[in-house]
Structures are given as structure tokens and as C-alpha cells.
Amino acid sequence: MDLTDADPKGLIREAYNIAGIGDAECRSILIDWALSLRAGVDQTEALRVLLVRHAEGRPDHPMSRLLTAALAPGAAPRRRGGRAARVGPAP
């Protein structure tokens, strides 16, 4: 995958250039990045490309941690219905 496909607006590149950037700003940038990907671009592959390009040598940067976390598999969805969905689990 080409870097221009992985980061079309250069948002992730710029995040690495902002001195003193924090977790909250990185989360906001990541959301904007995800919304700016073209249709059909594999988000997982784009994340890998960005990690290789920007995160090597900077594992403690907030964006590096966030990109790595974005690659982790999410929790399996669970169905919640009936009483448990309305009031919570029984004691």
C-alpha cells in the first residue's frame, strides 16, 4: 500500500511532528484520519503502513501507542437483550 493511500491528508505524519501532543489530540486526529480514508482502503493495512513509516524508533509517542492499540482485535460482540439490557445483571 502506498503512503498516500494510508494517510491521504498527512494527518498521522503531522501528529508525529507536533511537539508535546497528548493522547486526547491523537485520538481526535485518528478519528479524522479514519474518516478521510477512501472507500475500499483496508484500514488494518493502512495502520500497519503508518506504524512502519512513523512509529519505528518512537514507541513511546502517543500516536504510536494509539496506532498499535487500533490493530488489537476488539472484544467479541455479545448480545444483550431483555431485562439485562434495561436494568443490568441480576445480583
Protein backbone atom coordinates (compact mmCIF):
# COMPACT_ATOMS: atom_id res chain seq x y z
CA MET A 1 0.00 0.00 0.00
CA ASP A 2 1.19 3.47 -0.88
CA LEU A 3 1.69 6.01 1.92
CA THR A 4 -0.66 8.44 0.18
CA ASP A 5 -3.41 5.81 0.36
CA ALA A 6 -2.64 5.11 4.02
CA ASP A 7 -2.58 8.78 5.09
CA PRO A 8 -4.28 10.84 2.36
CA LYS A 9 -4.34 14.13 4.29
CA GLY A 10 -0.99 13.61 6.05
CA LEU A 11 -2.73 13.74 9.44
CA ILE A 12 -0.69 10.99 11.07
CA ARG A 13 2.58 12.42 9.71
CA GLU A 14 1.71 15.82 11.17
CA ALA A 15 0.74 14.31 14.52
CA TYR A 16 4.27 12.97 14.86
CA ASN A 17 5.65 16.46 14.16
CA ILE A 18 3.61 18.23 16.85
CA ALA A 19 5.76 18.77 19.94
CA GLY A 20 4.04 17.85 23.19
CA ILE A 21 0.99 16.25 21.59
CA GLY A 22 -1.15 14.30 24.04
CA ASP A 23 -3.40 11.28 23.99
CA ALA A 24 -6.61 13.26 23.52
CA GLU A 25 -5.28 15.13 20.50
CA CYS A 26 -4.01 11.87 18.98
CA ARG A 27 -7.43 10.24 19.40
CA SER A 28 -9.09 13.17 17.65
CA ILE A 29 -6.58 13.01 14.80
CA LEU A 30 -7.05 9.24 14.47
CA ILE A 31 -10.83 9.65 14.12
CA ASP A 32 -10.35 12.31 11.44
CA TRP A 33 -7.83 10.03 9.72
CA ALA A 34 -10.28 7.09 9.72
CA LEU A 35 -13.00 9.27 8.22
CA SER A 36 -10.66 10.53 5.49
CA LEU A 37 -9.72 7.09 4.12
CA ARG A 38 -11.05 6.40 0.64
CA ALA A 39 -13.66 3.70 0.21
CA GLY A 40 -12.04 0.33 -0.33
CA VAL A 41 -8.81 1.11 1.54
CA ASP A 42 -8.02 -1.63 4.06
CA GLN A 43 -7.80 0.18 7.39
CA THR A 44 -5.71 -2.57 9.02
CA GLU A 45 -3.15 -2.49 6.23
CA ALA A 46 -3.07 1.32 6.36
CA LEU A 47 -2.38 1.18 10.11
CA ARG A 48 0.50 -1.22 9.52
CA VAL A 49 1.99 1.02 6.84
CA LEU A 50 1.77 4.03 9.16
CA LEU A 51 3.37 2.16 12.04
CA VAL A 52 6.30 1.10 9.88
CA ARG A 53 6.73 4.59 8.43
CA HIS A 54 6.29 6.74 11.53
CA ALA A 55 6.48 4.69 14.74
CA GLU A 56 9.83 2.96 14.35
CA GLY A 57 12.16 4.42 16.94
CA ARG A 58 9.30 6.26 18.67
CA PRO A 59 7.39 3.59 20.60
CA ASP A 60 6.56 6.00 23.44
CA HIS A 61 4.89 8.60 21.21
CA PRO A 62 1.15 8.79 21.98
CA MET A 63 0.27 8.20 18.31
CA SER A 64 2.46 5.08 18.20
CA ARG A 65 0.63 3.65 21.20
CA LEU A 66 -2.75 4.53 19.67
CA LEU A 67 -1.95 3.02 16.25
CA THR A 68 -0.74 -0.16 17.95
CA ALA A 69 -3.90 -0.34 20.06
CA ALA A 70 -6.03 0.18 16.94
CA LEU A 71 -4.56 -3.02 15.48
CA ALA A 72 -5.52 -5.10 18.51
CA PRO A 73 -8.62 -7.24 17.99
CA GLY A 74 -11.75 -5.92 19.65
CA ALA A 75 -13.83 -7.82 22.15
CA ALA A 76 -16.28 -10.31 20.73
CA PRO A 77 -19.75 -8.79 20.48
CA ARG A 78 -22.26 -10.06 22.99
CA ARG A 79 -25.97 -9.97 22.69
CA ARG A 80 -27.71 -8.15 25.49
CA GLY A 81 -31.44 -8.28 25.46
CA GLY A 82 -34.38 -8.42 27.72
CA ARG A 83 -34.15 -7.38 31.34
CA ALA A 84 -30.33 -7.36 31.44
CA ALA A 85 -30.20 -4.66 28.75
CA ARG A 86 -32.66 -2.43 30.58
CA VAL A 87 -31.62 -2.71 34.22
CA GLY A 88 -28.34 -4.60 34.33
CA PRO A 89 -27.48 -8.08 35.53
CA ALA A 90 -29.32 -9.66 38.43
CA PRO A 91 -27.48 -9.55 41.79
